[in-house]
């Protein structure tokens, strides 16, 4: 299973990152292959030895989760790149929210390359980070969001960070010759075992809170693709903890650091994680991560799923059945953790997956987006996020 996952995730990186139309195609192609491999998975994964209080049988310290934003609306949001947030497209996106029941934006604060997307004078961030001027005036943007009654979510890409890996190789993975490892696209990751990396990303989150963001959404909370095939050939610091425990440890620590600030913490995760055992290779466990967040955001785009999932021959052509099946599995996965079950706010599809090929996809628009929303509603889910890499969203949907 890990060998197949390694191939798929490497294939994804060869095709592209997580922004732009090419990267969306790569992301969807990856998950289509991933789905096919998971269909054949019949084994089970033994839980890793608990370490540093992050083992699977260890409950969070609090007796019950408390929402740090109890007055927040049911979030129906869209993804917004830093370029869109700081550019002319923002006016169009704000009008979309003004004219519909959409009410939230997930905005890149630290992007997929590792750039901080706005100017900052915070010395703690400047020590390791490299700010850009994609969003030239963050306070002005936050005021605009407030004026339009937009629920603001700061997206922080955590362990995929080429900028930090290159400037501080000791925080990344090195080849035997001392050079920093990179995937086929040239992207490097930093090490989840390094607390300096944790603190740096949490410092960015804390500044985002000061700027006015009400929720921090962590993405790429994992090891590199196919890491189990590379680990023995790379030089990096590690402990006796499993990769799953290291990743869950970061999430638990981040939640503890941010909770006193009154901000929600959410994590993006593969939608398939609700239907299969933990992805040990990349260190993601759906349940363990969910225990320590306020909101979990599984990426359940119908185009992610291959033939036969949830009894559907071509999942992309039947968005209702595909989303409903994924949510049934999500509830089954998370119901056992009781009061620690987070808000489920899936990423759904507002793009056409034409790269799947004739007969395997349909054009997505009003009908298809509304079918996904209905499937969520029919399974007790009333929050969601729309993904379109180019930030071009369907305008006539009844949200």
Protein backbone atom coordinates (compact mmCIF):
# COMPACT_ATOMS: atom_id res chain seq x y z
CA UNK A 1 0.00 0.00 0.00
CA UNK A 2 2.75 2.49 0.94
CA UNK A 3 4.59 1.70 -2.30
CA UNK A 4 1.50 2.55 -4.34
CA UNK A 5 0.92 5.71 -2.32
CA UNK A 6 4.54 6.72 -2.84
CA UNK A 7 4.17 6.42 -6.59
CA UNK A 8 0.93 8.34 -6.65
CA UNK A 9 2.11 11.20 -4.54
CA UNK A 10 5.36 11.49 -6.49
CA UNK A 11 3.26 11.54 -9.68
CA UNK A 12 1.25 14.40 -8.21
CA UNK A 13 4.36 16.46 -7.57
CA UNK A 14 5.69 15.79 -11.04
CA UNK A 15 2.51 17.23 -12.48
CA UNK A 16 2.25 20.27 -10.26
CA UNK A 17 1.74 21.89 -6.88
CA UNK A 18 -1.48 22.99 -5.26
CA UNK A 19 -2.24 26.21 -7.10
CA UNK A 20 -3.26 26.90 -10.66
CA UNK A 21 -5.25 24.83 -13.12
CA UNK A 22 -2.35 22.41 -13.84
CA UNK A 23 -1.91 21.66 -10.16
CA UNK A 24 -5.62 21.04 -9.73
CA UNK A 25 -5.46 18.49 -12.54
CA UNK A 26 -2.47 16.87 -10.87
CA UNK A 27 -4.18 16.85 -7.51
CA UNK A 28 -7.29 15.22 -8.93
CA UNK A 29 -5.34 12.68 -11.01
CA UNK A 30 -3.39 11.69 -7.91
CA UNK A 31 -6.51 11.04 -5.94
CA UNK A 32 -8.11 9.06 -8.75
CA UNK A 33 -5.12 6.70 -8.71
CA UNK A 34 -5.12 6.71 -4.91
CA UNK A 35 -8.77 5.69 -4.85
CA UNK A 36 -8.10 2.76 -7.13
CA UNK A 37 -5.30 1.52 -4.90
CA UNK A 38 -7.36 1.89 -1.76
CA UNK A 39 -10.17 -0.17 -3.29
CA UNK A 40 -7.83 -3.13 -3.15
CA UNK A 41 -6.68 -2.49 0.40
CA UNK A 42 -7.88 -5.20 2.77
CA UNK A 43 -5.30 -5.18 5.53
CA UNK A 44 -5.28 -3.31 8.80
CA UNK A 45 -2.74 -0.99 10.36
CA UNK A 46 -1.61 -1.61 13.91
CA UNK A 47 -1.61 1.54 16.01
CA UNK A 48 1.81 3.07 16.57
CA UNK A 49 3.28 3.12 20.06
CA UNK A 50 1.98 6.23 21.85
CA UNK A 51 4.68 8.85 22.38
CA UNK A 52 4.69 12.24 24.05
CA UNK A 53 0.98 12.02 24.79
CA UNK A 54 -0.09 11.74 21.16
CA UNK A 55 -0.85 8.04 20.91
CA UNK A 56 -4.18 6.81 19.55
CA UNK A 57 -5.53 5.91 22.98
CA UNK A 58 -4.57 9.18 24.63
CA UNK A 59 -7.43 11.67 24.99
CA UNK A 60 -6.86 15.42 24.83
CA UNK A 61 -6.35 17.06 28.19
CA UNK A 62 -9.66 18.94 28.17
CA UNK A 63 -12.73 17.00 29.29
CA UNK A 64 -14.71 18.30 26.32
CA UNK A 65 -14.03 20.44 23.30
CA UNK A 66 -15.11 24.06 23.57
CA UNK A 67 -15.60 26.12 20.43
CA UNK A 68 -13.37 29.22 20.71
CA UNK A 69 -15.71 30.96 18.25
CA UNK A 70 -19.15 29.95 19.59
CA UNK A 71 -20.87 32.82 17.80
CA UNK A 72 -19.48 31.93 14.39
CA UNK A 73 -21.84 31.35 11.47
CA UNK A 74 -22.21 28.07 9.63
CA UNK A 75 -19.30 28.62 7.26
CA UNK A 76 -19.87 28.32 3.52
CA UNK A 77 -16.63 29.51 2.02
CA UNK A 78 -14.31 29.73 -0.96
CA UNK A 79 -10.56 29.38 -1.44
CA UNK A 80 -8.75 32.64 -2.29
CA UNK A 81 -5.11 32.78 -3.37
CA UNK A 82 -2.93 35.59 -2.06
CA UNK A 83 -2.71 36.94 -5.60
CA UNK A 84 -6.51 37.15 -5.78
CA UNK A 85 -6.78 38.60 -2.28
CA UNK A 86 -4.28 41.32 -3.10
CA UNK A 87 -5.42 41.94 -6.65
CA UNK A 88 -8.33 43.02 -8.79
CA UNK A 89 -10.15 39.68 -8.59
CA UNK A 90 -10.98 40.34 -4.94
CA UNK A 91 -13.77 42.74 -5.90
CA UNK A 92 -15.45 39.99 -7.94
CA UNK A 93 -15.12 37.49 -5.11
CA UNK A 94 -16.55 39.90 -2.56
CA UNK A 95 -19.51 40.55 -4.83
CA UNK A 96 -20.08 36.80 -5.08
CA UNK A 97 -20.33 36.60 -1.30
CA UNK A 98 -22.48 39.72 -1.11
CA UNK A 99 -24.94 38.26 -3.62
CA UNK A 100 -25.17 34.72 -2.22
CA UNK A 101 -25.25 32.84 1.09
CA UNK A 102 -21.51 32.25 0.90
CA UNK A 103 -19.88 33.89 3.91
CA UNK A 104 -16.25 32.78 4.30
CA UNK A 105 -12.87 33.00 2.60
CA UNK A 106 -9.81 30.77 3.08
CA UNK A 107 -6.89 33.08 2.21
CA UNK A 108 -3.24 32.08 1.77
CA UNK A 109 -1.13 33.63 4.54
CA UNK A 110 1.80 31.24 4.01
CA UNK A 111 1.67 29.66 0.59
CA UNK A 112 2.70 26.39 -1.01
CA UNK A 113 6.27 27.54 -1.62
CA UNK A 114 6.70 28.76 1.94
CA UNK A 115 6.38 32.50 1.30
CA UNK A 116 4.63 34.66 3.83
CA UNK A 117 2.21 36.42 1.51
CA UNK A 118 2.24 39.92 3.04
CA UNK A 119 4.86 42.38 4.39
CA UNK A 120 5.63 41.97 8.07
CA UNK A 121 8.03 43.51 10.56
CA UNK A 122 7.66 40.64 13.01
CA UNK A 123 11.23 39.65 13.78
CA UNK A 124 10.21 36.18 14.88
CA UNK A 125 8.81 35.57 11.41
CA UNK A 126 11.65 37.29 9.57
CA UNK A 127 14.18 35.03 11.28
CA UNK A 128 13.01 32.05 9.22
CA UNK A 129 10.47 33.40 6.74
CA UNK A 130 10.53 35.36 3.51
CA UNK A 131 7.62 37.80 3.15
CA UNK A 132 6.26 38.84 -0.24
CA UNK A 133 3.90 41.65 -1.22
CA UNK A 134 1.15 39.58 -2.78
CA UNK A 135 -1.18 41.19 -0.24
CA UNK A 136 0.40 44.63 0.12
CA UNK A 137 -1.89 45.96 2.83
CA UNK A 138 -3.16 43.18 5.07
CA UNK A 139 -4.93 45.52 7.57
CA UNK A 140 -6.84 47.10 4.68
CA UNK A 141 -7.83 43.65 3.43
CA UNK A 142 -9.05 42.61 6.86
CA UNK A 143 -11.14 45.78 7.14
CA UNK A 144 -12.66 45.05 3.75
CA UNK A 145 -13.53 41.52 4.83
CA UNK A 146 -15.14 42.87 7.99
CA UNK A 147 -17.10 45.47 6.04
CA UNK A 148 -18.51 42.68 3.85
CA UNK A 149 -19.20 40.44 6.87
CA UNK A 150 -16.81 37.74 5.61
CA UNK A 151 -15.63 35.03 8.02
CA UNK A 152 -11.81 35.11 7.53
CA UNK A 153 -9.74 31.91 7.58
CA UNK A 154 -5.94 32.01 7.28
CA UNK A 155 -4.46 29.13 5.29
CA UNK A 156 -0.95 28.17 6.39
CA UNK A 157 0.95 25.52 4.44
CA UNK A 158 3.07 23.89 7.13
CA UNK A 159 5.60 21.22 6.16
CA UNK A 160 5.78 21.83 2.43
CA UNK A 161 8.19 24.76 2.56
CA UNK A 162 10.87 25.07 -0.08
CA UNK A 163 11.95 28.51 1.14
CA UNK A 164 12.71 27.38 4.69
CA UNK A 165 14.27 24.10 3.57
CA UNK A 166 16.75 25.91 1.33
CA UNK A 167 17.66 28.59 3.85
CA UNK A 168 17.92 26.16 6.79
CA UNK A 169 18.85 22.70 5.50
CA UNK A 170 19.13 21.44 9.07
CA UNK A 171 15.34 21.75 9.32
CA UNK A 172 14.78 19.68 6.19
CA UNK A 173 15.95 16.41 4.63
CA UNK A 174 19.45 16.19 3.16
CA UNK A 175 20.95 13.81 0.70
CA UNK A 176 24.18 12.05 1.60
CA UNK A 177 26.16 14.79 -0.19
CA UNK A 178 24.58 17.44 2.04
CA UNK A 179 22.23 18.91 -0.56
CA UNK A 180 18.59 19.52 0.31
CA UNK A 181 16.23 16.85 -0.99
CA UNK A 182 13.50 18.00 -3.39
CA UNK A 183 10.73 16.17 -5.18
CA UNK A 184 10.32 15.95 -8.95
CA UNK A 185 8.88 19.45 -9.14
CA UNK A 186 11.67 20.98 -7.12
CA UNK A 187 9.65 21.40 -3.93
CA UNK A 188 11.22 20.63 -0.56
CA UNK A 189 9.64 19.83 2.78
CA UNK A 190 10.68 20.65 6.31
CA UNK A 191 10.84 18.14 9.12
CA UNK A 192 7.80 17.51 11.37
CA UNK A 193 10.17 16.22 14.04
CA UNK A 194 11.70 19.70 14.45
CA UNK A 195 10.01 21.87 17.06
CA UNK A 196 11.58 24.96 15.50
CA UNK A 197 9.38 24.31 12.46
CA UNK A 198 6.33 23.95 14.69
CA UNK A 199 7.02 27.22 16.49
CA UNK A 200 7.67 29.13 13.28
CA UNK A 201 4.35 28.15 11.74
CA UNK A 202 2.51 28.79 14.96
CA UNK A 203 4.12 32.23 15.15
CA UNK A 204 2.67 32.98 11.71
CA UNK A 205 -0.69 31.77 12.96
CA UNK A 206 -0.49 34.01 16.02
CA UNK A 207 0.21 37.04 13.87
CA UNK A 208 -2.73 36.10 11.66
CA UNK A 209 -4.92 36.12 14.75
CA UNK A 210 -3.67 39.60 15.65
CA UNK A 211 -4.51 40.72 12.14
CA UNK A 212 -8.10 39.59 12.64
CA UNK A 213 -8.39 36.06 11.25
CA UNK A 214 -10.90 33.98 13.21
CA UNK A 215 -9.63 30.59 12.14
CA UNK A 216 -6.26 29.08 11.26
CA UNK A 217 -6.36 26.36 8.63
CA UNK A 218 -3.22 24.23 8.43
CA UNK A 219 -2.51 22.44 5.15
CA UNK A 220 0.23 19.96 4.17
CA UNK A 221 0.33 18.69 7.73
CA UNK A 222 2.32 15.63 6.75
CA UNK A 223 5.63 14.18 5.61
CA UNK A 224 6.68 14.26 1.94
CA UNK A 225 5.03 11.99 -0.58
CA UNK A 226 6.26 8.41 -0.42
CA UNK A 227 8.50 9.27 2.51
CA UNK A 228 8.72 5.68 3.72
CA UNK A 229 10.68 4.88 0.55
CA UNK A 230 13.11 7.75 1.02
CA UNK A 231 13.69 7.95 4.77
CA UNK A 232 16.61 5.53 4.98
CA UNK A 233 18.57 7.36 2.30
CA UNK A 234 18.11 10.84 3.77
CA UNK A 235 19.78 12.63 6.66
CA UNK A 236 17.42 14.32 9.11
CA UNK A 237 16.74 14.62 12.81
CA UNK A 238 14.14 12.30 14.27
CA UNK A 239 12.92 10.83 17.53
CA UNK A 240 11.50 7.44 18.46
CA UNK A 241 8.01 8.68 17.65
CA UNK A 242 6.21 7.34 14.60
CA UNK A 243 5.51 9.72 11.76
CA UNK A 244 1.82 9.62 12.65
CA UNK A 245 2.61 10.65 16.23
CA UNK A 246 4.95 13.43 15.09
CA UNK A 247 2.26 14.96 12.87
CA UNK A 248 -0.49 14.55 15.46
CA UNK A 249 1.89 16.04 18.03
CA UNK A 250 2.20 19.20 15.97
CA UNK A 251 -1.56 19.54 15.66
CA UNK A 252 -2.05 19.02 19.40
CA UNK A 253 0.68 21.56 20.22
CA UNK A 254 -0.69 24.11 17.76
CA UNK A 255 -4.16 23.80 19.23
CA UNK A 256 -2.80 24.31 22.75
CA UNK A 257 -0.86 27.40 21.66
CA UNK A 258 -3.72 29.00 19.74
CA UNK A 259 -6.75 28.12 21.84
CA UNK A 260 -6.09 30.85 24.46
CA UNK A 261 -6.25 33.41 21.64
CA UNK A 262 -9.86 32.56 20.90
CA UNK A 263 -9.22 31.29 17.38
CA UNK A 264 -10.41 28.11 15.76
CA UNK A 265 -7.92 25.57 14.40
CA UNK A 266 -8.69 23.48 11.31
CA UNK A 267 -6.70 21.00 9.20
CA UNK A 268 -7.05 19.94 5.56
CA UNK A 269 -6.79 16.20 5.03
CA UNK A 270 -7.27 13.65 2.26
CA UNK A 271 -10.95 12.70 2.01
CA UNK A 272 -9.99 9.04 1.62
CA UNK A 273 -8.60 9.07 5.14
CA UNK A 274 -12.15 8.56 6.41
CA UNK A 275 -12.49 5.33 4.44
CA UNK A 276 -9.13 3.64 5.06
CA UNK A 277 -6.56 3.00 7.82
CA UNK A 278 -3.98 5.65 8.65
CA UNK A 279 -1.54 6.74 5.95
CA UNK A 280 1.58 5.79 7.89
CA UNK A 281 3.96 6.83 5.12
CA UNK A 282 3.01 10.50 5.21
CA UNK A 283 2.05 10.45 8.89
CA UNK A 284 -1.65 11.28 8.63
CA UNK A 285 -4.28 9.65 10.82
CA UNK A 286 -7.80 11.04 10.33
CA UNK A 287 -9.02 10.31 13.85
CA UNK A 288 -5.91 11.40 15.75
CA UNK A 289 -5.78 14.72 13.92
CA UNK A 290 -9.51 15.26 14.31
CA UNK A 291 -9.29 14.91 18.10
CA UNK A 292 -7.15 18.02 18.34
CA UNK A 293 -8.91 20.43 15.96
CA UNK A 294 -12.09 22.45 16.01
CA UNK A 295 -12.78 21.84 12.32
CA UNK A 296 -11.67 19.03 9.99
CA UNK A 297 -11.69 19.70 6.24
CA UNK A 298 -11.60 16.50 4.18
CA UNK A 299 -11.05 17.04 0.45
CA UNK A 300 -13.87 14.96 -1.04
CA UNK A 301 -14.05 16.16 -4.63
CA UNK A 302 -15.95 13.59 -6.73
CA UNK A 303 -13.11 13.65 -9.26
CA UNK A 304 -10.85 12.19 -6.55
CA UNK A 305 -12.64 8.87 -6.61
CA UNK A 306 -12.12 6.07 -9.13
CA UNK A 307 -14.52 3.56 -10.61
CA UNK A 308 -16.69 1.74 -8.10
CA UNK A 309 -16.35 3.96 -5.06
CA UNK A 310 -19.61 4.14 -3.09
CA UNK A 311 -21.25 1.94 -5.73
CA UNK A 312 -20.78 4.57 -8.44
CA UNK A 313 -19.25 3.54 -11.77
CA UNK A 314 -17.90 7.03 -12.57
CA UNK A 315 -17.89 9.07 -9.35
CA UNK A 316 -17.28 12.43 -11.03
CA UNK A 317 -20.49 11.99 -13.01
CA UNK A 318 -22.56 11.42 -9.86
CA UNK A 319 -21.58 14.10 -7.36
CA UNK A 320 -24.53 13.45 -5.03
CA UNK A 321 -23.83 9.75 -4.48
CA UNK A 322 -20.09 10.29 -4.18
CA UNK A 323 -20.30 13.05 -1.60
CA UNK A 324 -22.98 11.21 0.35
CA UNK A 325 -20.84 8.07 0.50
CA UNK A 326 -17.80 9.99 1.66
CA UNK A 327 -19.76 11.70 4.42
CA UNK A 328 -21.26 8.43 5.64
CA UNK A 329 -17.70 7.10 6.01
CA UNK A 330 -16.58 10.32 7.71
CA UNK A 331 -19.28 10.05 10.36
CA UNK A 332 -18.47 6.39 10.94
CA UNK A 333 -14.81 7.27 11.42
CA UNK A 334 -15.40 10.14 13.82
CA UNK A 335 -18.52 9.18 15.78
CA UNK A 336 -16.52 6.92 18.16
CA UNK A 337 -14.54 9.90 19.52
CA UNK A 338 -17.75 11.39 20.89
CA UNK A 339 -17.41 14.90 22.28
CA UNK A 340 -14.03 15.29 20.57
CA UNK A 341 -15.63 15.06 17.13
CA UNK A 342 -14.86 18.32 15.33
CA UNK A 343 -17.02 20.33 12.97
CA UNK A 344 -16.89 18.59 9.58
CA UNK A 345 -16.45 21.16 6.83
CA UNK A 346 -15.50 19.41 3.57
CA UNK A 347 -13.85 20.86 0.51
CA UNK A 348 -16.17 20.29 -2.47
CA UNK A 349 -15.71 20.63 -6.21
CA UNK A 350 -16.44 23.74 -8.27
CA UNK A 351 -14.34 22.89 -11.33
CA UNK A 352 -14.55 20.53 -14.29
CA UNK A 353 -12.13 17.58 -14.20
CA UNK A 354 -11.71 17.28 -17.97
CA UNK A 355 -8.32 15.58 -17.54
CA UNK A 356 -10.16 12.44 -16.44
CA UNK A 357 -11.03 11.81 -20.08
CA UNK A 358 -14.20 11.37 -22.08
CA UNK A 359 -16.86 9.39 -20.27
CA UNK A 360 -15.19 9.78 -16.87
CA UNK A 361 -16.21 13.36 -16.10
CA UNK A 362 -18.98 15.88 -16.59
CA UNK A 363 -18.94 19.65 -16.78
CA UNK A 364 -19.49 21.13 -13.35
CA UNK A 365 -21.80 24.07 -12.78
CA UNK A 366 -24.91 24.98 -10.82
CA UNK A 367 -26.52 21.51 -10.90
CA UNK A 368 -23.39 19.64 -9.85
CA UNK A 369 -22.40 22.02 -7.05
CA UNK A 370 -25.95 21.99 -5.69
CA UNK A 371 -25.97 18.17 -5.81
CA UNK A 372 -22.90 18.10 -3.57
CA UNK A 373 -24.46 20.57 -1.15
CA UNK A 374 -27.64 18.48 -1.00
CA UNK A 375 -25.60 15.35 -0.26
CA UNK A 376 -23.93 17.18 2.60
CA UNK A 377 -27.25 18.39 3.97
CA UNK A 378 -28.75 14.90 3.71
CA UNK A 379 -25.89 13.54 5.83
CA UNK A 380 -26.08 16.25 8.49
CA UNK A 381 -23.33 18.52 7.19
CA UNK A 382 -24.16 22.21 6.83
CA UNK A 383 -20.70 23.72 6.33
CA UNK A 384 -18.43 23.45 3.29
CA UNK A 385 -15.66 25.09 1.29
CA UNK A 386 -15.54 25.42 -2.50
CA UNK A 387 -12.30 24.73 -4.34
CA UNK A 388 -11.39 26.28 -7.66
CA UNK A 389 -7.68 26.83 -8.26
CA UNK A 390 -8.26 29.92 -10.39
CA UNK A 391 -10.85 31.30 -7.94
CA UNK A 392 -13.52 31.28 -10.65
CA UNK A 393 -16.66 30.17 -8.86
CA UNK A 394 -20.14 29.37 -10.14
CA UNK A 395 -22.27 32.45 -9.54
CA UNK A 396 -25.84 31.14 -9.81
CA UNK A 397 -25.69 28.35 -7.23
CA UNK A 398 -28.25 28.29 -4.43
CA UNK A 399 -25.95 27.92 -1.44
